[in-house]
Amino acid sequence: MIQVIADATLLRYLIEIQAIEVLPGFFGRIITPPAVIRDLQHTNTPVPVRTWIASRPPWVVVQAPSSAADPALSRLGAGEREAILLAHEHQPALLITDDRRARRVA
């Protein structure tokens, strides 16, 4: 089974448009790194997103990458870095990100 790794954007905007429940239907579970959870809990994040992420469902699995950061990832945000590392660890994996630089590096 292909693992699905997501950065913050996918989760944030699906929560905001109240369509987050489509994800388990498509993918079963989503793996996301701790940096993404921190981003979604930031005080500047909309309240509905922070509320949802505080009581996220069991199909959202938070996992830290076990490998050290690659210097090639140094120009990316923490969420994108950790998501790419997780995608490499969970081969085969589908990485969902909206960040152009992260897609190129991945």
PDB file of N, CA and C in Angstrom:
ATOM      1  N   MET A   1       0.838  -1.186   0.000  1.00  0.00           N
ATOM      2  CA  MET A   1       0.000   0.000   0.000  1.00  0.00           C
ATOM      3  C   MET A   1       0.881   1.247   0.000  1.00  0.00           C
ATOM      4  N   ILE A   2       0.521   2.204  -0.810  1.00  0.00           N
ATOM      5  CA  ILE A   2       1.254   3.466  -0.858  1.00  0.00           C
ATOM      6  C   ILE A   2       0.862   4.328   0.337  1.00  0.00           C
ATOM      7  N   GLN A   3       1.875   4.824   1.029  1.00  0.00           N
ATOM      8  CA  GLN A   3       1.647   5.732   2.151  1.00  0.00           C
ATOM      9  C   GLN A   3       1.444   7.150   1.614  1.00  0.00           C
ATOM     10  N   VAL A   4       0.581   7.914   2.256  1.00  0.00           N
ATOM     11  CA  VAL A   4       0.322   9.292   1.850  1.00  0.00           C
ATOM     12  C   VAL A   4       0.859  10.215   2.930  1.00  0.00           C
ATOM     13  N   ILE A   5       1.760  11.098   2.520  1.00  0.00           N
ATOM     14  CA  ILE A   5       2.383  12.063   3.418  1.00  0.00           C
ATOM     15  C   ILE A   5       1.876  13.446   3.020  1.00  0.00           C
ATOM     16  N   ALA A   6       1.432  14.232   3.980  1.00  0.00           N
ATOM     17  CA  ALA A   6       0.874  15.555   3.663  1.00  0.00           C
ATOM     18  C   ALA A   6       1.560  16.645   4.466  1.00  0.00           C
ATOM     19  N   ASP A   7       1.725  17.803   3.802  1.00  0.00           N
ATOM     20  CA  ASP A   7       2.173  18.971   4.548  1.00  0.00           C
ATOM     21  C   ASP A   7       0.936  19.745   5.005  1.00  0.00           C
ATOM     22  N   ALA A   8       1.140  20.910   5.570  1.00  0.00           N
ATOM     23  CA  ALA A   8       0.053  21.648   6.225  1.00  0.00           C
ATOM     24  C   ALA A   8      -1.030  22.143   5.280  1.00  0.00           C
ATOM     25  N   THR A   9      -0.681  22.527   4.077  1.00  0.00           N
ATOM     26  CA  THR A   9      -1.640  23.178   3.196  1.00  0.00           C
ATOM     27  C   THR A   9      -2.854  22.317   2.899  1.00  0.00           C
ATOM     28  N   LEU A  10      -2.633  21.071   2.539  1.00  0.00           N
ATOM     29  CA  LEU A  10      -3.747  20.175   2.233  1.00  0.00           C
ATOM     30  C   LEU A  10      -4.727  20.109   3.395  1.00  0.00           C
ATOM     31  N   LEU A  11      -4.209  19.842   4.575  1.00  0.00           N
ATOM     32  CA  LEU A  11      -5.066  19.717   5.746  1.00  0.00           C
ATOM     33  C   LEU A  11      -5.766  21.031   6.069  1.00  0.00           C
ATOM     34  N   ARG A  12      -5.019  22.104   6.073  1.00  0.00           N
ATOM     35  CA  ARG A  12      -5.580  23.402   6.455  1.00  0.00           C
ATOM     36  C   ARG A  12      -6.764  23.790   5.577  1.00  0.00           C
ATOM     37  N   TYR A  13      -6.582  23.738   4.279  1.00  0.00           N
ATOM     38  CA  TYR A  13      -7.646  24.238   3.408  1.00  0.00           C
ATOM     39  C   TYR A  13      -8.826  23.285   3.316  1.00  0.00           C
ATOM     40  N   LEU A  14      -8.602  22.001   3.416  1.00  0.00           N
ATOM     41  CA  LEU A  14      -9.744  21.091   3.458  1.00  0.00           C
ATOM     42  C   LEU A  14     -10.548  21.263   4.748  1.00  0.00           C
ATOM     43  N   ILE A  15      -9.861  21.550   5.841  1.00  0.00           N
ATOM     44  CA  ILE A  15     -10.567  21.848   7.094  1.00  0.00           C
ATOM     45  C   ILE A  15     -11.377  23.132   6.922  1.00  0.00           C
ATOM     46  N   GLU A  16     -10.750  24.159   6.355  1.00  0.00           N
ATOM     47  CA  GLU A  16     -11.425  25.446   6.204  1.00  0.00           C
ATOM     48  C   GLU A  16     -12.676  25.370   5.327  1.00  0.00           C
ATOM     49  N   ILE A  17     -12.651  24.541   4.288  1.00  0.00           N
ATOM     50  CA  ILE A  17     -13.832  24.456   3.424  1.00  0.00           C
ATOM     51  C   ILE A  17     -14.753  23.305   3.850  1.00  0.00           C
ATOM     52  N   GLN A  18     -14.470  22.747   5.017  1.00  0.00           N
ATOM     53  CA  GLN A  18     -15.272  21.681   5.608  1.00  0.00           C
ATOM     54  C   GLN A  18     -15.376  20.455   4.694  1.00  0.00           C
ATOM     55  N   ALA A  19     -14.249  20.106   4.089  1.00  0.00           N
ATOM     56  CA  ALA A  19     -14.196  18.941   3.205  1.00  0.00           C
ATOM     57  C   ALA A  19     -13.110  17.956   3.622  1.00  0.00           C
ATOM     58  N   ILE A  20     -12.632  18.058   4.841  1.00  0.00           N
ATOM     59  CA  ILE A  20     -11.520  17.224   5.300  1.00  0.00           C
ATOM     60  C   ILE A  20     -11.862  15.734   5.278  1.00  0.00           C
ATOM     61  N   GLU A  21     -13.124  15.389   5.400  1.00  0.00           N
ATOM     62  CA  GLU A  21     -13.516  13.981   5.454  1.00  0.00           C
ATOM     63  C   GLU A  21     -13.349  13.247   4.127  1.00  0.00           C
ATOM     64  N   VAL A  22     -13.003  13.957   3.054  1.00  0.00           N
ATOM     65  CA  VAL A  22     -12.743  13.261   1.790  1.00  0.00           C
ATOM     66  C   VAL A  22     -11.428  12.475   1.857  1.00  0.00           C
ATOM     67  N   LEU A  23     -10.496  12.930   2.691  1.00  0.00           N
ATOM     68  CA  LEU A  23      -9.177  12.286   2.722  1.00  0.00           C
ATOM     69  C   LEU A  23      -9.211  10.819   3.110  1.00  0.00           C
ATOM     70  N   PRO A  24      -9.865  10.426   4.207  1.00  0.00           N
ATOM     71  CA  PRO A  24      -9.848   8.995   4.529  1.00  0.00           C
ATOM     72  C   PRO A  24     -10.553   8.155   3.464  1.00  0.00           C
ATOM     73  N   GLY A  25     -11.525   8.741   2.775  1.00  0.00           N
ATOM     74  CA  GLY A  25     -12.185   8.019   1.695  1.00  0.00           C
ATOM     75  C   GLY A  25     -11.252   7.736   0.533  1.00  0.00           C
ATOM     76  N   PHE A  26     -10.366   8.681   0.240  1.00  0.00           N
ATOM     77  CA  PHE A  26      -9.410   8.507  -0.856  1.00  0.00           C
ATOM     78  C   PHE A  26      -8.197   7.687  -0.452  1.00  0.00           C
ATOM     79  N   PHE A  27      -7.666   7.961   0.743  1.00  0.00           N
ATOM     80  CA  PHE A  27      -6.358   7.424   1.103  1.00  0.00           C
ATOM     81  C   PHE A  27      -6.328   6.506   2.326  1.00  0.00           C
ATOM     82  N   GLY A  28      -7.387   6.423   3.072  1.00  0.00           N
ATOM     83  CA  GLY A  28      -7.369   5.623   4.296  1.00  0.00           C
ATOM     84  C   GLY A  28      -6.780   6.395   5.448  1.00  0.00           C
ATOM     85  N   ARG A  29      -5.493   6.611   5.412  1.00  0.00           N
ATOM     86  CA  ARG A  29      -4.843   7.401   6.463  1.00  0.00           C
ATOM     87  C   ARG A  29      -3.843   8.354   5.835  1.00  0.00           C
ATOM     88  N   ILE A  30      -3.540   9.386   6.570  1.00  0.00           N
ATOM     89  CA  ILE A  30      -2.577  10.403   6.159  1.00  0.00           C
ATOM     90  C   ILE A  30      -1.499  10.453   7.232  1.00  0.00           C
ATOM     91  N   ILE A  31      -0.255  10.430   6.811  1.00  0.00           N
ATOM     92  CA  ILE A  31       0.867  10.592   7.738  1.00  0.00           C
ATOM     93  C   ILE A  31       1.360  12.023   7.596  1.00  0.00           C
ATOM     94  N   THR A  32       1.570  12.666   8.716  1.00  0.00           N
ATOM     95  CA  THR A  32       2.069  14.035   8.696  1.00  0.00           C
ATOM     96  C   THR A  32       3.100  14.197   9.811  1.00  0.00           C
ATOM     97  N   PRO A  33       4.101  15.009   9.585  1.00  0.00           N
ATOM     98  CA  PRO A  33       5.156  15.161  10.597  1.00  0.00           C
ATOM     99  C   PRO A  33       4.767  16.157  11.691  1.00  0.00           C
ATOM    100  N   PRO A  34       5.459  16.112  12.822  1.00  0.00           N
ATOM    101  CA  PRO A  34       5.168  17.022  13.926  1.00  0.00           C
ATOM    102  C   PRO A  34       5.256  18.504  13.538  1.00  0.00           C
ATOM    103  N   ALA A  35       6.159  18.862  12.638  1.00  0.00           N
ATOM    104  CA  ALA A  35       6.279  20.269  12.234  1.00  0.00           C
ATOM    105  C   ALA A  35       4.995  20.763  11.580  1.00  0.00           C
ATOM    106  N   VAL A  36       4.299  19.902  10.863  1.00  0.00           N
ATOM    107  CA  VAL A  36       3.026  20.276  10.244  1.00  0.00           C
ATOM    108  C   VAL A  36       1.974  20.509  11.322  1.00  0.00           C
ATOM    109  N   ILE A  37       1.942  19.656  12.313  1.00  0.00           N
ATOM    110  CA  ILE A  37       0.988  19.836  13.414  1.00  0.00           C
ATOM    111  C   ILE A  37       1.268  21.158  14.127  1.00  0.00           C
ATOM    112  N   ARG A  38       2.541  21.465  14.356  1.00  0.00           N
ATOM    113  CA  ARG A  38       2.890  22.748  14.988  1.00  0.00           C
ATOM    114  C   ARG A  38       2.414  23.919  14.135  1.00  0.00           C
ATOM    115  N   ASP A  39       2.598  23.832  12.820  1.00  0.00           N
ATOM    116  CA  ASP A  39       2.130  24.890  11.921  1.00  0.00           C
ATOM    117  C   ASP A  39       0.618  25.077  12.044  1.00  0.00           C
ATOM    118  N   LEU A  40      -0.102  23.983  12.106  1.00  0.00           N
ATOM    119  CA  LEU A  40      -1.563  24.052  12.161  1.00  0.00           C
ATOM    120  C   LEU A  40      -2.084  24.494  13.527  1.00  0.00           C
ATOM    121  N   GLN A  41      -1.229  24.478  14.535  1.00  0.00           N
ATOM    122  CA  GLN A  41      -1.609  24.942  15.875  1.00  0.00           C
ATOM    123  C   GLN A  41      -1.138  26.363  16.153  1.00  0.00           C
ATOM    124  N   HIS A  42      -0.473  26.989  15.202  1.00  0.00           N
ATOM    125  CA  HIS A  42       0.061  28.340  15.380  1.00  0.00           C
ATOM    126  C   HIS A  42      -1.079  29.321  15.664  1.00  0.00           C
ATOM    127  N   THR A  43      -0.804  30.336  16.459  1.00  0.00           N
ATOM    128  CA  THR A  43      -1.843  31.297  16.830  1.00  0.00           C
ATOM    129  C   THR A  43      -2.409  32.072  15.636  1.00  0.00           C
ATOM    130  N   ASN A  44      -1.661  32.162  14.544  1.00  0.00           N
ATOM    131  CA  ASN A  44      -2.165  32.849  13.351  1.00  0.00           C
ATOM    132  C   ASN A  44      -3.038  31.945  12.468  1.00  0.00           C
ATOM    133  N   THR A  45      -3.081  30.675  12.787  1.00  0.00           N
ATOM    134  CA  THR A  45      -3.903  29.730  12.033  1.00  0.00           C
ATOM    135  C   THR A  45      -5.363  29.941  12.433  1.00  0.00           C
ATOM    136  N   PRO A  46      -6.292  29.860  11.489  1.00  0.00           N
ATOM    137  CA  PRO A  46      -7.703  30.055  11.835  1.00  0.00           C
ATOM    138  C   PRO A  46      -8.169  29.101  12.945  1.00  0.00           C
ATOM    139  N   VAL A  47      -9.046  29.595  13.787  1.00  0.00           N
ATOM    140  CA  VAL A  47      -9.538  28.827  14.937  1.00  0.00           C
ATOM    141  C   VAL A  47     -10.133  27.475  14.528  1.00  0.00           C
ATOM    142  N   PRO A  48     -10.941  27.377  13.474  1.00  0.00           N
ATOM    143  CA  PRO A  48     -11.478  26.055  13.124  1.00  0.00           C
ATOM    144  C   PRO A  48     -10.383  25.023  12.825  1.00  0.00           C
ATOM    145  N   VAL A  49      -9.292  25.477  12.246  1.00  0.00           N
ATOM    146  CA  VAL A  49      -8.183  24.564  11.943  1.00  0.00           C
ATOM    147  C   VAL A  49      -7.504  24.129  13.237  1.00  0.00           C
ATOM    148  N   ARG A  50      -7.234  25.079  14.113  1.00  0.00           N
ATOM    149  CA  ARG A  50      -6.597  24.737  15.387  1.00  0.00           C
ATOM    150  C   ARG A  50      -7.475  23.810  16.217  1.00  0.00           C
ATOM    151  N   THR A  51      -8.766  24.051  16.193  1.00  0.00           N
ATOM    152  CA  THR A  51      -9.702  23.204  16.935  1.00  0.00           C
ATOM    153  C   THR A  51      -9.717  21.792  16.379  1.00  0.00           C
ATOM    154  N   TRP A  52      -9.771  21.676  15.060  1.00  0.00           N
ATOM    155  CA  TRP A  52      -9.813  20.358  14.427  1.00  0.00           C
ATOM    156  C   TRP A  52      -8.526  19.582  14.699  1.00  0.00           C
ATOM    157  N   ILE A  53      -7.395  20.243  14.543  1.00  0.00           N
ATOM    158  CA  ILE A  53      -6.117  19.548  14.703  1.00  0.00           C
ATOM    159  C   ILE A  53      -5.879  19.141  16.161  1.00  0.00           C
ATOM    160  N   ALA A  54      -6.459  19.892  17.096  1.00  0.00           N
ATOM    161  CA  ALA A  54      -6.313  19.547  18.516  1.00  0.00           C
ATOM    162  C   ALA A  54      -7.020  18.244  18.856  1.00  0.00           C
ATOM    163  N   SER A  55      -8.045  17.892  18.097  1.00  0.00           N
ATOM    164  CA  SER A  55      -8.755  16.626  18.335  1.00  0.00           C
ATOM    165  C   SER A  55      -8.849  15.831  17.032  1.00  0.00           C
ATOM    166  N   ARG A  56      -7.720  15.757  16.339  1.00  0.00           N
ATOM    167  CA  ARG A  56      -7.678  15.104  15.028  1.00  0.00           C
ATOM    168  C   ARG A  56      -8.110  13.643  15.122  1.00  0.00           C
ATOM    169  N   PRO A  57      -8.675  13.137  14.046  1.00  0.00           N
ATOM    170  CA  PRO A  57      -9.140  11.747  14.034  1.00  0.00           C
ATOM    171  C   PRO A  57      -7.972  10.768  13.923  1.00  0.00           C
ATOM    172  N   PRO A  58      -8.225   9.507  14.223  1.00  0.00           N
ATOM    173  CA  PRO A  58      -7.139   8.509  14.210  1.00  0.00           C
ATOM    174  C   PRO A  58      -6.558   8.243  12.824  1.00  0.00           C
ATOM    175  N   TRP A  59      -7.218   8.652  11.754  1.00  0.00           N
ATOM    176  CA  TRP A  59      -6.662   8.416  10.429  1.00  0.00           C
ATOM    177  C   TRP A  59      -5.566   9.432  10.080  1.00  0.00           C
ATOM    178  N   VAL A  60      -5.370  10.438  10.933  1.00  0.00           N
ATOM    179  CA  VAL A  60      -4.235  11.362  10.786  1.00  0.00           C
ATOM    180  C   VAL A  60      -3.155  10.876  11.746  1.00  0.00           C
ATOM    181  N   VAL A  61      -2.096  10.326  11.184  1.00  0.00           N
ATOM    182  CA  VAL A  61      -1.011   9.752  11.975  1.00  0.00           C
ATOM    183  C   VAL A  61       0.152  10.733  11.990  1.00  0.00           C
ATOM    184  N   VAL A  62       0.565  11.118  13.180  1.00  0.00           N
ATOM    185  CA  VAL A  62       1.703  12.031  13.317  1.00  0.00           C
ATOM    186  C   VAL A  62       2.945  11.194  13.555  1.00  0.00           C
ATOM    187  N   GLN A  63       3.945  11.402  12.703  1.00  0.00           N
ATOM    188  CA  GLN A  63       5.176  10.621  12.808  1.00  0.00           C
ATOM    189  C   GLN A  63       6.363  11.507  12.472  1.00  0.00           C
ATOM    190  N   ALA A  64       7.347  11.473  13.312  1.00  0.00           N
ATOM    191  CA  ALA A  64       8.586  12.208  13.049  1.00  0.00           C
ATOM    192  C   ALA A  64       9.472  11.381  12.133  1.00  0.00           C
ATOM    193  N   PRO A  65      10.183  12.038  11.239  1.00  0.00           N
ATOM    194  CA  PRO A  65      11.127  11.277  10.405  1.00  0.00           C
ATOM    195  C   PRO A  65      12.251  10.739  11.280  1.00  0.00           C
ATOM    196  N   SER A  66      12.738   9.567  10.930  1.00  0.00           N
ATOM    197  CA  SER A  66      13.818   8.976  11.726  1.00  0.00           C
ATOM    198  C   SER A  66      15.190   9.391  11.211  1.00  0.00           C
ATOM    199  N   SER A  67      15.237   9.894   9.984  1.00  0.00           N
ATOM    200  CA  SER A  67      16.521  10.291   9.413  1.00  0.00           C
ATOM    201  C   SER A  67      16.797  11.776   9.670  1.00  0.00           C
ATOM    202  N   ALA A  68      18.066  12.110   9.651  1.00  0.00           N
ATOM    203  CA  ALA A  68      18.483  13.492   9.855  1.00  0.00           C
ATOM    204  C   ALA A  68      18.190  14.311   8.606  1.00  0.00           C
ATOM    205  N   ALA A  69      18.038  15.604   8.791  1.00  0.00           N
ATOM    206  CA  ALA A  69      17.747  16.500   7.670  1.00  0.00           C
ATOM    207  C   ALA A  69      18.882  16.488   6.651  1.00  0.00           C
ATOM    208  N   ASP A  70      18.503  16.412   5.421  1.00  0.00           N
ATOM    209  CA  ASP A  70      19.426  16.451   4.295  1.00  0.00           C
ATOM    210  C   ASP A  70      19.753  17.918   4.005  1.00  0.00           C
ATOM    211  N   PRO A  71      21.026  18.270   3.783  1.00  0.00           N
ATOM    212  CA  PRO A  71      21.373  19.666   3.480  1.00  0.00           C
ATOM    213  C   PRO A  71      20.616  20.223   2.267  1.00  0.00           C
ATOM    214  N   ALA A  72      20.203  19.365   1.348  1.00  0.00           N
ATOM    215  CA  ALA A  72      19.450  19.819   0.172  1.00  0.00           C
ATOM    216  C   ALA A  72      18.080  20.373   0.559  1.00  0.00           C
ATOM    217  N   LEU A  73      17.625  20.054   1.761  1.00  0.00           N
ATOM    218  CA  LEU A  73      16.312  20.503   2.225  1.00  0.00           C
ATOM    219  C   LEU A  73      16.383  21.774   3.058  1.00  0.00           C
ATOM    220  N   SER A  74      17.558  22.324   3.242  1.00  0.00           N
ATOM    221  CA  SER A  74      17.746  23.437   4.170  1.00  0.00           C
ATOM    222  C   SER A  74      16.980  24.706   3.804  1.00  0.00           C
ATOM    223  N   ARG A  75      16.620  24.878   2.554  1.00  0.00           N
ATOM    224  CA  ARG A  75      15.912  26.095   2.139  1.00  0.00           C
ATOM    225  C   ARG A  75      14.392  25.961   2.270  1.00  0.00           C
ATOM    226  N   LEU A  76      13.942  24.820   2.729  1.00  0.00           N
ATOM    227  CA  LEU A  76      12.510  24.573   2.873  1.00  0.00           C
ATOM    228  C   LEU A  76      12.057  24.840   4.296  1.00  0.00           C
ATOM    229  N   GLY A  77      10.764  25.007   4.470  1.00  0.00           N
ATOM    230  CA  GLY A  77      10.201  25.125   5.804  1.00  0.00           C
ATOM    231  C   GLY A  77      10.269  23.794   6.530  1.00  0.00           C
ATOM    232  N   ALA A  78      10.130  23.843   7.835  1.00  0.00           N
ATOM    233  CA  ALA A  78      10.246  22.627   8.649  1.00  0.00           C
ATOM    234  C   ALA A  78       9.219  21.571   8.247  1.00  0.00           C
ATOM    235  N   GLY A  79       7.987  21.982   7.981  1.00  0.00           N
ATOM    236  CA  GLY A  79       6.953  21.021   7.589  1.00  0.00           C
ATOM    237  C   GLY A  79       7.284  20.317   6.292  1.00  0.00           C
ATOM    238  N   GLU A  80       7.743  21.075   5.305  1.00  0.00           N
ATOM    239  CA  GLU A  80       8.110  20.481   4.021  1.00  0.00           C
ATOM    240  C   GLU A  80       9.322  19.566   4.169  1.00  0.00           C
ATOM    241  N   ARG A  81      10.321  19.995   4.952  1.00  0.00           N
ATOM    242  CA  ARG A  81      11.506  19.156   5.177  1.00  0.00           C
ATOM    243  C   ARG A  81      11.118  17.813   5.772  1.00  0.00           C
ATOM    244  N   GLU A  82      10.344  17.860   6.857  1.00  0.00           N
ATOM    245  CA  GLU A  82       9.973  16.621   7.535  1.00  0.00           C
ATOM    246  C   GLU A  82       9.071  15.753   6.658  1.00  0.00           C
ATOM    247  N   ALA A  83       8.184  16.358   5.896  1.00  0.00           N
ATOM    248  CA  ALA A  83       7.302  15.590   5.013  1.00  0.00           C
ATOM    249  C   ALA A  83       8.112  14.864   3.940  1.00  0.00           C
ATOM    250  N   ILE A  84       9.088  15.533   3.363  1.00  0.00           N
ATOM    251  CA  ILE A  84       9.934  14.896   2.346  1.00  0.00           C
ATOM    252  C   ILE A  84      10.735  13.750   2.951  1.00  0.00           C
ATOM    253  N   LEU A  85      11.291  13.954   4.127  1.00  0.00           N
ATOM    254  CA  LEU A  85      12.036  12.878   4.786  1.00  0.00           C
ATOM    255  C   LEU A  85      11.131  11.676   5.051  1.00  0.00           C
ATOM    256  N   LEU A  86       9.905  11.926   5.505  1.00  0.00           N
ATOM    257  CA  LEU A  86       8.967  10.827   5.730  1.00  0.00           C
ATOM    258  C   LEU A  86       8.625  10.108   4.431  1.00  0.00           C
ATOM    259  N   ALA A  87       8.441  10.867   3.362  1.00  0.00           N
ATOM    260  CA  ALA A  87       8.119  10.257   2.069  1.00  0.00           C
ATOM    261  C   ALA A  87       9.245   9.334   1.611  1.00  0.00           C
ATOM    262  N   HIS A  88      10.485   9.723   1.857  1.00  0.00           N
ATOM    263  CA  HIS A  88      11.619   8.869   1.491  1.00  0.00           C
ATOM    264  C   HIS A  88      11.674   7.613   2.357  1.00  0.00           C
ATOM    265  N   GLU A  89      11.261   7.746   3.617  1.00  0.00           N
ATOM    266  CA  GLU A  89      11.287   6.596   4.527  1.00  0.00           C
ATOM    267  C   GLU A  89      10.156   5.607   4.242  1.00  0.00           C
ATOM    268  N   HIS A  90       9.055   6.084   3.698  1.00  0.00           N
ATOM    269  CA  HIS A  90       7.865   5.250   3.483  1.00  0.00           C
ATOM    270  C   HIS A  90       7.692   4.898   2.014  1.00  0.00           C
ATOM    271  N   GLN A  91       8.733   4.447   1.370  1.00  0.00           N
ATOM    272  CA  GLN A  91       8.636   4.093  -0.048  1.00  0.00           C
ATOM    273  C   GLN A  91       7.821   2.827  -0.234  1.00  0.00           C
ATOM    274  N   PRO A  92       6.912   2.764  -1.196  1.00  0.00           N
ATOM    275  CA  PRO A  92       6.512   3.889  -2.034  1.00  0.00           C
ATOM    276  C   PRO A  92       5.590   4.830  -1.259  1.00  0.00           C
ATOM    277  N   ALA A  93       5.671   6.109  -1.566  1.00  0.00           N
ATOM    278  CA  ALA A  93       4.860   7.101  -0.866  1.00  0.00           C
ATOM    279  C   ALA A  93       4.400   8.181  -1.840  1.00  0.00           C
ATOM    280  N   LEU A  94       3.267   8.758  -1.506  1.00  0.00           N
ATOM    281  CA  LEU A  94       2.736   9.893  -2.240  1.00  0.00           C
ATOM    282  C   LEU A  94       2.884  11.103  -1.332  1.00  0.00           C
ATOM    283  N   LEU A  95       3.623  12.098  -1.795  1.00  0.00           N
ATOM    284  CA  LEU A  95       3.807  13.328  -1.034  1.00  0.00           C
ATOM    285  C   LEU A  95       2.862  14.376  -1.594  1.00  0.00           C
ATOM    286  N   ILE A  96       2.018  14.941  -0.729  1.00  0.00           N
ATOM    287  CA  ILE A  96       1.102  15.989  -1.156  1.00  0.00           C
ATOM    288  C   ILE A  96       1.583  17.304  -0.567  1.00  0.00           C
ATOM    289  N   THR A  97       2.027  18.195  -1.455  1.00  0.00           N
ATOM    290  CA  THR A  97       2.517  19.507  -1.055  1.00  0.00           C
ATOM    291  C   THR A  97       2.196  20.519  -2.145  1.00  0.00           C
ATOM    292  N   ASP A  98       1.985  21.750  -1.741  1.00  0.00           N
ATOM    293  CA  ASP A  98       1.739  22.804  -2.726  1.00  0.00           C
ATOM    294  C   ASP A  98       2.999  23.635  -2.965  1.00  0.00           C
ATOM    295  N   ASP A  99       4.051  23.350  -2.236  1.00  0.00           N
ATOM    296  CA  ASP A  99       5.279  24.137  -2.305  1.00  0.00           C
ATOM    297  C   ASP A  99       6.112  23.704  -3.516  1.00  0.00           C
ATOM    298  N   ARG A 100       6.306  24.611  -4.458  1.00  0.00           N
ATOM    299  CA  ARG A 100       7.047  24.298  -5.698  1.00  0.00           C
ATOM    300  C   ARG A 100       8.469  23.858  -5.403  1.00  0.00           C
ATOM    301  N   ARG A 101       9.130  24.561  -4.521  1.00  0.00           N
ATOM    302  CA  ARG A 101      10.524  24.206  -4.179  1.00  0.00           C
ATOM    303  C   ARG A 101      10.571  22.811  -3.543  1.00  0.00           C
ATOM    304  N   ALA A 102       9.621  22.515  -2.681  1.00  0.00           N
ATOM    305  CA  ALA A 102       9.582  21.193  -2.047  1.00  0.00           C
ATOM    306  C   ALA A 102       9.354  20.094  -3.084  1.00  0.00           C
ATOM    307  N   ARG A 103       8.495  20.347  -4.051  1.00  0.00           N
ATOM    308  CA  ARG A 103       8.264  19.340  -5.110  1.00  0.00           C
ATOM    309  C   ARG A 103       9.536  19.098  -5.900  1.00  0.00           C
ATOM    310  N   ARG A 104      10.259  20.168  -6.233  1.00  0.00           N
ATOM    311  CA  ARG A 104      11.502  20.005  -7.002  1.00  0.00           C
ATOM    312  C   ARG A 104      12.545  19.217  -6.218  1.00  0.00           C
ATOM    313  N   VAL A 105      12.698  19.556  -4.951  1.00  0.00           N
ATOM    314  CA  VAL A 105      13.703  18.882  -4.115  1.00  0.00           C
ATOM    315  C   VAL A 105      13.327  17.428  -3.875  1.00  0.00           C
ATOM    316  N   ALA A 106      12.046  17.181  -3.672  1.00  0.00           N
ATOM    317  CA  ALA A 106      11.586  15.806  -3.387  1.00  0.00           C
ATOM    318  C   ALA A 106      11.885  14.898  -4.557  1.00  0.00           C
TER     319      ALA A 106
END
